Amino acid sequence: MFAQTDADKLVARVNGKEITNRDLDAQWARISPKVQEQYLKLGGKKVFLDNYIAKYLLVQEAVRSGFAAKIKAPTELDPIAESALFDRYVREVLAAPLITEEMMRDAYTQHRDQFRVPEQASLRMIRALKGDNPEAARDKVARAMVEIFSARAAIAKSVPADKALDALAVKFSEVAARTSDHESAKDGGILGWVALRTLDPRIAEAARSMKRGTISGVLESSDAYQIILVDDYRGADVESYEAAKDALHEFVLARQSRHVMDAVQKKSAELRAAGRVEMFPENVR
């Protein structure tokens, strides 16, 4: 019969779930060296074990209550999945009563300036860097433009008018994937929504003045030539309350952090009192 190693020694039993030094070490390894140092000053892994049990009781409750199944958490919880389940249970169950619609709307009203969104355009781009041969770069972009403009005539004849802009955008992306040296080439030249203030002023001005679905001429910036297609445009504005709700939730959650922590401690204490928790601190290595 093999002797029990220190790693296999039982350090706690929580409602029948055995926790060994190996389990505790896996959790200890997930916290930063700075936090480990703080625990060592307070009593080391024995203190960490007590805090971990408080957390694990909530993990068990998340499973028992059906919350884990609802969010499709793994049946077998490794340390990473366990931590993720704990975080979501705290945020979505324990913190939920502390973050009301009224609080979020008040935060939106009081901090409206923080939800300003800049002037933006949804763009596609074909680019050729000038490098040592600016003329070759310009010719490359010009040829791409001619190919797209030539296809536009064929599209007008073969595609219903209400689908023509979409068909032209597809053609633009096809050419971009073949010819552009911009990193977006792998996505068909699609840049998505871009704040115009981040672009070269000449490109930004073109995007600002172009109608949806139109293609620019050859645009020169300091290091490249490019053509762009404008999928859409929106001016500077304030983000709507609905669009800002996720950010508002995080903002209010941060402001309520003390109350959330109190709720976590209260629930954990209730579960400990109602359950069966055994600790074997003498086995903690």
C-alpha atoms as a PDB file:
ATOM      1  CA  MET A   1       0.000   0.000   0.000  1.00  0.00           C
ATOM      2  CA  PHE A   2       1.387   3.388  -1.064  1.00  0.00           C
ATOM      3  CA  ALA A   3       1.930   6.087   1.550  1.00  0.00           C
ATOM      4  CA  GLN A   4      -0.170   9.219   1.119  1.00  0.00           C
ATOM      5  CA  THR A   5       1.784  12.136  -0.271  1.00  0.00           C
ATOM      6  CA  ASP A   6       1.479  15.693   1.025  1.00  0.00           C
ATOM      7  CA  ALA A   7      -0.263  16.657  -2.220  1.00  0.00           C
ATOM      8  CA  ASP A   8      -2.995  14.086  -1.589  1.00  0.00           C
ATOM      9  CA  LYS A   9      -3.640  15.065   2.020  1.00  0.00           C
ATOM     10  CA  LEU A  10      -7.110  16.373   2.752  1.00  0.00           C
ATOM     11  CA  VAL A  11      -7.213  20.040   3.778  1.00  0.00           C
ATOM     12  CA  ALA A  12     -11.004  20.493   3.762  1.00  0.00           C
ATOM     13  CA  ARG A  13     -14.314  18.819   3.028  1.00  0.00           C
ATOM     14  CA  VAL A  14     -17.137  21.057   1.817  1.00  0.00           C
ATOM     15  CA  ASN A  15     -20.560  19.405   1.750  1.00  0.00           C
ATOM     16  CA  GLY A  16     -18.870  16.115   0.927  1.00  0.00           C
ATOM     17  CA  LYS A  17     -16.478  17.573  -1.670  1.00  0.00           C
ATOM     18  CA  GLU A  18     -12.906  16.784  -0.677  1.00  0.00           C
ATOM     19  CA  ILE A  19     -10.230  19.413  -1.216  1.00  0.00           C
ATOM     20  CA  THR A  20      -6.602  18.284  -1.172  1.00  0.00           C
ATOM     21  CA  ASN A  21      -3.352  20.185  -1.119  1.00  0.00           C
ATOM     22  CA  ARG A  22      -3.146  19.538  -4.862  1.00  0.00           C
ATOM     23  CA  ASP A  23      -6.515  21.250  -5.365  1.00  0.00           C
ATOM     24  CA  LEU A  24      -5.486  24.128  -3.131  1.00  0.00           C
ATOM     25  CA  ASP A  25      -2.173  24.532  -4.983  1.00  0.00           C
ATOM     26  CA  ALA A  26      -4.028  24.786  -8.296  1.00  0.00           C
ATOM     27  CA  GLN A  27      -6.097  27.655  -6.916  1.00  0.00           C
ATOM     28  CA  TRP A  28      -3.062  29.288  -5.288  1.00  0.00           C
ATOM     29  CA  ALA A  29      -1.242  29.275  -8.626  1.00  0.00           C
ATOM     30  CA  ARG A  30      -4.057  31.342 -10.176  1.00  0.00           C
ATOM     31  CA  ILE A  31      -3.497  34.381  -7.967  1.00  0.00           C
ATOM     32  CA  SER A  32      -0.774  36.929  -8.631  1.00  0.00           C
ATOM     33  CA  PRO A  33       2.546  36.908  -6.731  1.00  0.00           C
ATOM     34  CA  LYS A  34       1.544  40.205  -5.115  1.00  0.00           C
ATOM     35  CA  VAL A  35      -1.683  38.698  -3.747  1.00  0.00           C
ATOM     36  CA  GLN A  36       0.204  35.586  -2.648  1.00  0.00           C
ATOM     37  CA  GLU A  37       2.581  37.837  -0.732  1.00  0.00           C
ATOM     38  CA  GLN A  38      -0.355  39.522   1.014  1.00  0.00           C
ATOM     39  CA  TYR A  39      -1.763  36.125   2.041  1.00  0.00           C
ATOM     40  CA  LEU A  40       1.648  35.062   3.364  1.00  0.00           C
ATOM     41  CA  LYS A  41       1.694  38.122   5.621  1.00  0.00           C
ATOM     42  CA  LEU A  42      -1.782  37.264   6.945  1.00  0.00           C
ATOM     43  CA  GLY A  43      -1.143  33.588   7.624  1.00  0.00           C
ATOM     44  CA  GLY A  44      -0.347  31.984   4.301  1.00  0.00           C
ATOM     45  CA  LYS A  45      -2.267  29.170   2.672  1.00  0.00           C
ATOM     46  CA  LYS A  46      -4.375  28.483   5.756  1.00  0.00           C
ATOM     47  CA  VAL A  47      -5.988  31.895   5.374  1.00  0.00           C
ATOM     48  CA  PHE A  48      -6.212  31.356   1.620  1.00  0.00           C
ATOM     49  CA  LEU A  49      -7.965  28.029   2.237  1.00  0.00           C
ATOM     50  CA  ASP A  50     -10.642  29.694   4.366  1.00  0.00           C
ATOM     51  CA  ASN A  51     -11.286  32.273   1.649  1.00  0.00           C
ATOM     52  CA  TYR A  52     -11.332  29.596  -1.026  1.00  0.00           C
ATOM     53  CA  ILE A  53     -13.958  27.634   0.902  1.00  0.00           C
ATOM     54  CA  ALA A  54     -16.120  30.753   1.080  1.00  0.00           C
ATOM     55  CA  LYS A  55     -15.826  31.036  -2.701  1.00  0.00           C
ATOM     56  CA  TYR A  56     -16.375  27.324  -3.320  1.00  0.00           C
ATOM     57  CA  LEU A  57     -19.614  27.358  -1.331  1.00  0.00           C
ATOM     58  CA  LEU A  58     -20.959  29.864  -3.857  1.00  0.00           C
ATOM     59  CA  VAL A  59     -19.749  27.681  -6.733  1.00  0.00           C
ATOM     60  CA  GLN A  60     -21.668  24.755  -5.236  1.00  0.00           C
ATOM     61  CA  GLU A  61     -24.744  26.940  -4.858  1.00  0.00           C
ATOM     62  CA  ALA A  62     -24.457  28.056  -8.495  1.00  0.00           C
ATOM     63  CA  VAL A  63     -24.549  24.394  -9.505  1.00  0.00           C
ATOM     64  CA  ARG A  64     -27.275  23.378  -7.025  1.00  0.00           C
ATOM     65  CA  SER A  65     -29.579  26.252  -7.993  1.00  0.00           C
ATOM     66  CA  GLY A  66     -29.374  25.446 -11.709  1.00  0.00           C
ATOM     67  CA  PHE A  67     -27.510  28.643 -12.583  1.00  0.00           C
ATOM     68  CA  ALA A  68     -24.499  26.695 -13.863  1.00  0.00           C
ATOM     69  CA  ALA A  69     -26.691  24.656 -16.185  1.00  0.00           C
ATOM     70  CA  LYS A  70     -28.516  27.787 -17.334  1.00  0.00           C
ATOM     71  CA  ILE A  71     -25.287  29.417 -18.515  1.00  0.00           C
ATOM     72  CA  LYS A  72     -23.995  26.075 -19.847  1.00  0.00           C
ATOM     73  CA  ALA A  73     -21.011  25.878 -17.516  1.00  0.00           C
ATOM     74  CA  PRO A  74     -18.933  22.667 -17.852  1.00  0.00           C
ATOM     75  CA  THR A  75     -20.072  19.734 -15.750  1.00  0.00           C
ATOM     76  CA  GLU A  76     -16.507  19.096 -14.646  1.00  0.00           C
ATOM     77  CA  LEU A  77     -15.083  22.322 -13.266  1.00  0.00           C
ATOM     78  CA  ASP A  78     -11.358  22.870 -13.527  1.00  0.00           C
ATOM     79  CA  PRO A  79      -9.891  25.894 -11.658  1.00  0.00           C
ATOM     80  CA  ILE A  80     -10.464  28.203 -14.632  1.00  0.00           C
ATOM     81  CA  ALA A  81     -14.087  27.146 -15.198  1.00  0.00           C
ATOM     82  CA  GLU A  82     -14.742  27.257 -11.458  1.00  0.00           C
ATOM     83  CA  SER A  83     -13.480  30.825 -11.222  1.00  0.00           C
ATOM     84  CA  ALA A  84     -15.537  31.866 -14.249  1.00  0.00           C
ATOM     85  CA  LEU A  85     -18.690  30.331 -12.739  1.00  0.00           C
ATOM     86  CA  PHE A  86     -18.087  32.123  -9.439  1.00  0.00           C
ATOM     87  CA  ASP A  87     -17.638  35.478 -11.194  1.00  0.00           C
ATOM     88  CA  ARG A  88     -20.822  35.110 -13.247  1.00  0.00           C
ATOM     89  CA  TYR A  89     -22.871  33.941 -10.256  1.00  0.00           C
ATOM     90  CA  VAL A  90     -21.763  36.979  -8.269  1.00  0.00           C
ATOM     91  CA  ARG A  91     -22.379  39.411 -11.137  1.00  0.00           C
ATOM     92  CA  GLU A  92     -25.649  37.974 -12.425  1.00  0.00           C
ATOM     93  CA  VAL A  93     -27.286  36.705  -9.235  1.00  0.00           C
ATOM     94  CA  LEU A  94     -25.881  38.324  -6.099  1.00  0.00           C
ATOM     95  CA  ALA A  95     -25.152  41.743  -7.620  1.00  0.00           C
ATOM     96  CA  ALA A  96     -28.315  41.901  -9.726  1.00  0.00           C
ATOM     97  CA  PRO A  97     -30.605  43.366  -6.989  1.00  0.00           C
ATOM     98  CA  LEU A  98     -27.974  46.044  -6.295  1.00  0.00           C
ATOM     99  CA  ILE A  99     -27.912  47.412  -9.852  1.00  0.00           C
ATOM    100  CA  THR A 100     -31.252  48.881 -10.786  1.00  0.00           C
ATOM    101  CA  GLU A 101     -32.516  50.454 -13.996  1.00  0.00           C
ATOM    102  CA  GLU A 102     -32.905  53.732 -12.126  1.00  0.00           C
ATOM    103  CA  MET A 103     -29.225  53.683 -11.095  1.00  0.00           C
ATOM    104  CA  MET A 104     -28.099  53.059 -14.653  1.00  0.00           C
ATOM    105  CA  ARG A 105     -30.306  55.809 -16.071  1.00  0.00           C
ATOM    106  CA  ASP A 106     -29.051  58.234 -13.431  1.00  0.00           C
ATOM    107  CA  ALA A 107     -25.463  57.331 -14.321  1.00  0.00           C
ATOM    108  CA  TYR A 108     -26.228  57.865 -18.008  1.00  0.00           C
ATOM    109  CA  THR A 109     -27.689  61.312 -17.299  1.00  0.00           C
ATOM    110  CA  GLN A 110     -24.875  62.384 -14.993  1.00  0.00           C
ATOM    111  CA  HIS A 111     -22.058  61.106 -17.188  1.00  0.00           C
ATOM    112  CA  ARG A 112     -23.544  61.685 -20.629  1.00  0.00           C
ATOM    113  CA  ASP A 113     -20.328  63.229 -21.961  1.00  0.00           C
ATOM    114  CA  GLN A 114     -18.504  59.951 -21.372  1.00  0.00           C
ATOM    115  CA  PHE A 115     -20.753  58.274 -23.925  1.00  0.00           C
ATOM    116  CA  ARG A 116     -19.970  60.559 -26.827  1.00  0.00           C
ATOM    117  CA  VAL A 117     -19.007  58.679 -29.991  1.00  0.00           C
ATOM    118  CA  PRO A 118     -16.837  60.313 -32.657  1.00  0.00           C
ATOM    119  CA  GLU A 119     -17.602  60.797 -36.326  1.00  0.00           C
ATOM    120  CA  GLN A 120     -17.211  57.370 -37.937  1.00  0.00           C
ATOM    121  CA  ALA A 121     -17.424  55.589 -41.259  1.00  0.00           C
ATOM    122  CA  SER A 122     -17.674  51.912 -42.096  1.00  0.00           C
ATOM    123  CA  LEU A 123     -15.005  51.436 -44.739  1.00  0.00           C
ATOM    124  CA  ARG A 124     -13.356  49.008 -47.135  1.00  0.00           C
ATOM    125  CA  MET A 125      -9.855  49.778 -48.381  1.00  0.00           C
ATOM    126  CA  ILE A 126      -7.397  48.752 -51.059  1.00  0.00           C
ATOM    127  CA  ARG A 127      -3.900  50.040 -50.331  1.00  0.00           C
ATOM    128  CA  ALA A 128      -0.448  49.961 -51.918  1.00  0.00           C
ATOM    129  CA  LEU A 129       2.489  51.230 -49.901  1.00  0.00           C
ATOM    130  CA  LYS A 130       4.810  53.550 -51.804  1.00  0.00           C
ATOM    131  CA  GLY A 131       8.036  52.014 -50.557  1.00  0.00           C
ATOM    132  CA  ASP A 132      10.864  52.613 -53.015  1.00  0.00           C
ATOM    133  CA  ASN A 133       8.544  52.800 -56.016  1.00  0.00           C
ATOM    134  CA  PRO A 134       5.629  55.230 -55.528  1.00  0.00           C
ATOM    135  CA  GLU A 135       4.648  55.107 -59.207  1.00  0.00           C
ATOM    136  CA  ALA A 136       4.240  51.342 -59.131  1.00  0.00           C
ATOM    137  CA  ALA A 137       2.112  51.652 -56.014  1.00  0.00           C
ATOM    138  CA  ARG A 138      -0.121  54.234 -57.663  1.00  0.00           C
ATOM    139  CA  ASP A 139      -0.464  52.105 -60.805  1.00  0.00           C
ATOM    140  CA  LYS A 140      -1.412  49.083 -58.717  1.00  0.00           C
ATOM    141  CA  VAL A 141      -4.227  50.941 -56.987  1.00  0.00           C
ATOM    142  CA  ALA A 142      -5.341  52.552 -60.262  1.00  0.00           C
ATOM    143  CA  ARG A 143      -5.611  49.128 -61.924  1.00  0.00           C
ATOM    144  CA  ALA A 144      -7.690  47.853 -59.008  1.00  0.00           C
ATOM    145  CA  MET A 145      -9.993  50.868 -59.344  1.00  0.00           C
ATOM    146  CA  VAL A 146     -10.414  50.328 -63.094  1.00  0.00           C
ATOM    147  CA  GLU A 147     -11.296  46.670 -62.496  1.00  0.00           C
ATOM    148  CA  ILE A 148     -13.954  47.612 -59.939  1.00  0.00           C
ATOM    149  CA  PHE A 149     -15.421  50.419 -62.030  1.00  0.00           C
ATOM    150  CA  SER A 150     -15.540  48.117 -65.077  1.00  0.00           C
ATOM    151  CA  ALA A 151     -17.442  45.551 -63.042  1.00  0.00           C
ATOM    152  CA  ARG A 152     -19.927  48.232 -61.984  1.00  0.00           C
ATOM    153  CA  ALA A 153     -21.339  48.424 -65.513  1.00  0.00           C
ATOM    154  CA  ALA A 154     -21.866  44.670 -65.634  1.00  0.00           C
ATOM    155  CA  ILE A 155     -23.475  44.739 -62.193  1.00  0.00           C
ATOM    156  CA  ALA A 156     -25.897  47.452 -63.300  1.00  0.00           C
ATOM    157  CA  LYS A 157     -27.075  45.219 -66.149  1.00  0.00           C
ATOM    158  CA  SER A 158     -27.331  41.928 -64.264  1.00  0.00           C
ATOM    159  CA  VAL A 159     -28.307  42.848 -60.682  1.00  0.00           C
ATOM    160  CA  PRO A 160     -31.561  44.489 -59.491  1.00  0.00           C
ATOM    161  CA  ALA A 161     -31.051  48.141 -58.600  1.00  0.00           C
ATOM    162  CA  ASP A 162     -31.696  47.572 -54.889  1.00  0.00           C
ATOM    163  CA  LYS A 163     -28.915  44.940 -54.794  1.00  0.00           C
ATOM    164  CA  ALA A 164     -26.345  46.772 -56.911  1.00  0.00           C
ATOM    165  CA  LEU A 165     -24.499  48.475 -54.053  1.00  0.00           C
ATOM    166  CA  ASP A 166     -24.106  45.198 -52.188  1.00  0.00           C
ATOM    167  CA  ALA A 167     -22.830  43.488 -55.327  1.00  0.00           C
ATOM    168  CA  LEU A 168     -20.320  46.273 -55.892  1.00  0.00           C
ATOM    169  CA  ALA A 169     -19.094  45.950 -52.305  1.00  0.00           C
ATOM    170  CA  VAL A 170     -18.561  42.223 -52.843  1.00  0.00           C
ATOM    171  CA  LYS A 171     -16.546  42.969 -55.993  1.00  0.00           C
ATOM    172  CA  PHE A 172     -14.480  45.549 -54.092  1.00  0.00           C
ATOM    173  CA  SER A 173     -13.675  42.983 -51.410  1.00  0.00           C
ATOM    174  CA  GLU A 174     -12.748  40.390 -53.997  1.00  0.00           C
ATOM    175  CA  VAL A 175     -10.249  42.782 -55.579  1.00  0.00           C
ATOM    176  CA  ALA A 176      -8.971  43.901 -52.159  1.00  0.00           C
ATOM    177  CA  ALA A 177      -8.250  40.315 -51.150  1.00  0.00           C
ATOM    178  CA  ARG A 178      -6.105  39.880 -54.269  1.00  0.00           C
ATOM    179  CA  THR A 179      -4.338  43.204 -54.507  1.00  0.00           C
ATOM    180  CA  SER A 180      -4.277  45.164 -51.228  1.00  0.00           C
ATOM    181  CA  ASP A 181      -1.190  45.090 -49.034  1.00  0.00           C
ATOM    182  CA  HIS A 182      -3.176  46.302 -46.017  1.00  0.00           C
ATOM    183  CA  GLU A 183      -3.693  43.780 -43.203  1.00  0.00           C
ATOM    184  CA  SER A 184      -7.442  43.942 -43.877  1.00  0.00           C
ATOM    185  CA  ALA A 185      -6.909  42.168 -47.229  1.00  0.00           C
ATOM    186  CA  LYS A 186      -7.561  38.837 -45.507  1.00  0.00           C
ATOM    187  CA  ASP A 187     -11.035  40.174 -44.680  1.00  0.00           C
ATOM    188  CA  GLY A 188     -11.682  41.561 -48.142  1.00  0.00           C
ATOM    189  CA  GLY A 189     -10.435  45.006 -47.220  1.00  0.00           C
ATOM    190  CA  ILE A 190     -13.169  45.479 -44.627  1.00  0.00           C
ATOM    191  CA  LEU A 191     -12.063  47.880 -41.884  1.00  0.00           C
ATOM    192  CA  GLY A 192     -15.457  48.102 -40.164  1.00  0.00           C
ATOM    193  CA  TRP A 193     -16.362  51.243 -38.235  1.00  0.00           C
ATOM    194  CA  VAL A 194     -13.410  53.621 -38.009  1.00  0.00           C
ATOM    195  CA  ALA A 195     -13.238  56.977 -36.203  1.00  0.00           C
ATOM    196  CA  LEU A 196     -12.393  59.492 -38.932  1.00  0.00           C
ATOM    197  CA  ARG A 197     -10.101  61.404 -36.586  1.00  0.00           C
ATOM    198  CA  THR A 198      -7.759  58.384 -36.653  1.00  0.00           C
ATOM    199  CA  LEU A 199      -7.352  58.466 -40.443  1.00  0.00           C
ATOM    200  CA  ASP A 200      -5.144  60.535 -42.704  1.00  0.00           C
ATOM    201  CA  PRO A 201      -7.029  63.840 -43.211  1.00  0.00           C
ATOM    202  CA  ARG A 202      -7.360  63.273 -46.961  1.00  0.00           C
ATOM    203  CA  ILE A 203      -8.936  59.864 -46.463  1.00  0.00           C
ATOM    204  CA  ALA A 204     -11.166  61.171 -43.675  1.00  0.00           C
ATOM    205  CA  GLU A 205     -12.401  64.038 -45.852  1.00  0.00           C
ATOM    206  CA  ALA A 206     -13.194  61.651 -48.698  1.00  0.00           C
ATOM    207  CA  ALA A 207     -15.114  59.299 -46.361  1.00  0.00           C
ATOM    208  CA  ARG A 208     -17.014  62.287 -44.938  1.00  0.00           C
ATOM    209  CA  SER A 209     -18.122  63.571 -48.330  1.00  0.00           C
ATOM    210  CA  MET A 210     -18.939  60.275 -50.068  1.00  0.00           C
ATOM    211  CA  LYS A 211     -22.383  58.709 -50.224  1.00  0.00           C
ATOM    212  CA  ARG A 212     -23.042  55.192 -48.988  1.00  0.00           C
ATOM    213  CA  GLY A 213     -21.823  52.550 -51.426  1.00  0.00           C
ATOM    214  CA  THR A 214     -19.598  54.920 -53.410  1.00  0.00           C
ATOM    215  CA  ILE A 215     -15.941  54.395 -54.226  1.00  0.00           C
ATOM    216  CA  SER A 216     -13.262  57.073 -54.078  1.00  0.00           C
ATOM    217  CA  GLY A 217     -10.658  57.898 -56.650  1.00  0.00           C
ATOM    218  CA  VAL A 218      -7.008  57.181 -55.898  1.00  0.00           C
ATOM    219  CA  LEU A 219      -6.166  58.858 -52.576  1.00  0.00           C
ATOM    220  CA  GLU A 220      -2.598  59.664 -51.621  1.00  0.00           C
ATOM    221  CA  SER A 221      -1.343  59.657 -48.046  1.00  0.00           C
ATOM    222  CA  SER A 222       2.210  60.116 -46.835  1.00  0.00           C
ATOM    223  CA  ASP A 223       3.259  56.497 -47.358  1.00  0.00           C
ATOM    224  CA  ALA A 224       0.653  54.918 -49.622  1.00  0.00           C
ATOM    225  CA  TYR A 225      -2.013  55.156 -52.282  1.00  0.00           C
ATOM    226  CA  GLN A 226      -5.454  53.782 -51.608  1.00  0.00           C
ATOM    227  CA  ILE A 227      -9.060  53.687 -52.667  1.00  0.00           C
ATOM    228  CA  ILE A 228     -11.928  53.339 -50.228  1.00  0.00           C
ATOM    229  CA  LEU A 229     -15.542  52.246 -50.360  1.00  0.00           C
ATOM    230  CA  VAL A 230     -17.942  53.755 -47.836  1.00  0.00           C
ATOM    231  CA  ASP A 231     -20.419  51.184 -46.541  1.00  0.00           C
ATOM    232  CA  ASP A 232     -21.978  53.656 -44.106  1.00  0.00           C
ATOM    233  CA  TYR A 233     -21.346  56.894 -42.223  1.00  0.00           C
ATOM    234  CA  ARG A 234     -22.468  58.423 -38.941  1.00  0.00           C
ATOM    235  CA  GLY A 235     -21.634  61.794 -37.466  1.00  0.00           C
ATOM    236  CA  ALA A 236     -20.448  62.526 -33.954  1.00  0.00           C
ATOM    237  CA  ASP A 237     -23.194  61.863 -31.425  1.00  0.00           C
ATOM    238  CA  VAL A 238     -23.967  60.618 -27.934  1.00  0.00           C
ATOM    239  CA  GLU A 239     -24.409  56.871 -27.643  1.00  0.00           C
ATOM    240  CA  SER A 240     -28.010  55.911 -26.864  1.00  0.00           C
ATOM    241  CA  TYR A 241     -28.912  54.568 -23.442  1.00  0.00           C
ATOM    242  CA  GLU A 242     -29.663  51.137 -24.912  1.00  0.00           C
ATOM    243  CA  ALA A 243     -26.303  50.990 -26.680  1.00  0.00           C
ATOM    244  CA  ALA A 244     -24.515  52.110 -23.512  1.00  0.00           C
ATOM    245  CA  LYS A 245     -26.250  49.694 -21.124  1.00  0.00           C
ATOM    246  CA  ASP A 246     -23.365  47.214 -20.882  1.00  0.00           C
ATOM    247  CA  ALA A 247     -20.901  49.977 -20.039  1.00  0.00           C
ATOM    248  CA  LEU A 248     -23.378  51.530 -17.595  1.00  0.00           C
ATOM    249  CA  HIS A 249     -23.824  48.195 -15.869  1.00  0.00           C
ATOM    250  CA  GLU A 250     -20.058  47.939 -15.373  1.00  0.00           C
ATOM    251  CA  PHE A 251     -19.897  51.528 -14.141  1.00  0.00           C
ATOM    252  CA  VAL A 252     -22.628  51.032 -11.538  1.00  0.00           C
ATOM    253  CA  LEU A 253     -21.223  47.623 -10.565  1.00  0.00           C
ATOM    254  CA  ALA A 254     -17.861  49.241  -9.803  1.00  0.00           C
ATOM    255  CA  ARG A 255     -19.556  51.910  -7.679  1.00  0.00           C
ATOM    256  CA  GLN A 256     -21.474  49.217  -5.784  1.00  0.00           C
ATOM    257  CA  SER A 257     -18.423  47.011  -5.229  1.00  0.00           C
ATOM    258  CA  ARG A 258     -18.534  47.373  -1.436  1.00  0.00           C
ATOM    259  CA  HIS A 259     -22.192  46.314  -1.327  1.00  0.00           C
ATOM    260  CA  VAL A 260     -21.515  43.446  -3.737  1.00  0.00           C
ATOM    261  CA  MET A 261     -18.722  42.197  -1.486  1.00  0.00           C
ATOM    262  CA  ASP A 262     -21.052  42.390   1.514  1.00  0.00           C
ATOM    263  CA  ALA A 263     -23.651  40.355  -0.384  1.00  0.00           C
ATOM    264  CA  VAL A 264     -21.034  37.727  -1.271  1.00  0.00           C
ATOM    265  CA  GLN A 265     -19.861  37.443   2.323  1.00  0.00           C
ATOM    266  CA  LYS A 266     -23.411  37.238   3.649  1.00  0.00           C
ATOM    267  CA  LYS A 267     -24.450  34.514   1.193  1.00  0.00           C
ATOM    268  CA  SER A 268     -21.280  32.523   1.807  1.00  0.00           C
ATOM    269  CA  ALA A 269     -21.806  32.708   5.575  1.00  0.00           C
ATOM    270  CA  GLU A 270     -25.392  31.490   5.177  1.00  0.00           C
ATOM    271  CA  LEU A 271     -24.266  28.543   3.046  1.00  0.00           C
ATOM    272  CA  ARG A 272     -21.516  27.660   5.519  1.00  0.00           C
ATOM    273  CA  ALA A 273     -23.970  27.714   8.436  1.00  0.00           C
ATOM    274  CA  ALA A 274     -26.496  25.575   6.554  1.00  0.00           C
ATOM    275  CA  GLY A 275     -23.942  23.144   5.141  1.00  0.00           C
ATOM    276  CA  ARG A 276     -21.163  20.948   6.449  1.00  0.00           C
ATOM    277  CA  VAL A 277     -17.656  22.352   6.264  1.00  0.00           C
ATOM    278  CA  GLU A 278     -14.680  20.537   7.776  1.00  0.00           C
ATOM    279  CA  MET A 279     -11.166  21.988   7.713  1.00  0.00           C
ATOM    280  CA  PHE A 280      -7.860  20.244   8.376  1.00  0.00           C
ATOM    281  CA  PRO A 281      -5.384  23.150   8.581  1.00  0.00           C
ATOM    282  CA  GLU A 282      -2.718  20.858  10.057  1.00  0.00           C
ATOM    283  CA  ASN A 283      -2.444  19.214   6.613  1.00  0.00           C
ATOM    284  CA  VAL A 284      -1.918  22.440   4.682  1.00  0.00           C
ATOM    285  CA  ARG A 285       1.619  22.503   3.341  1.00  0.00           C
END
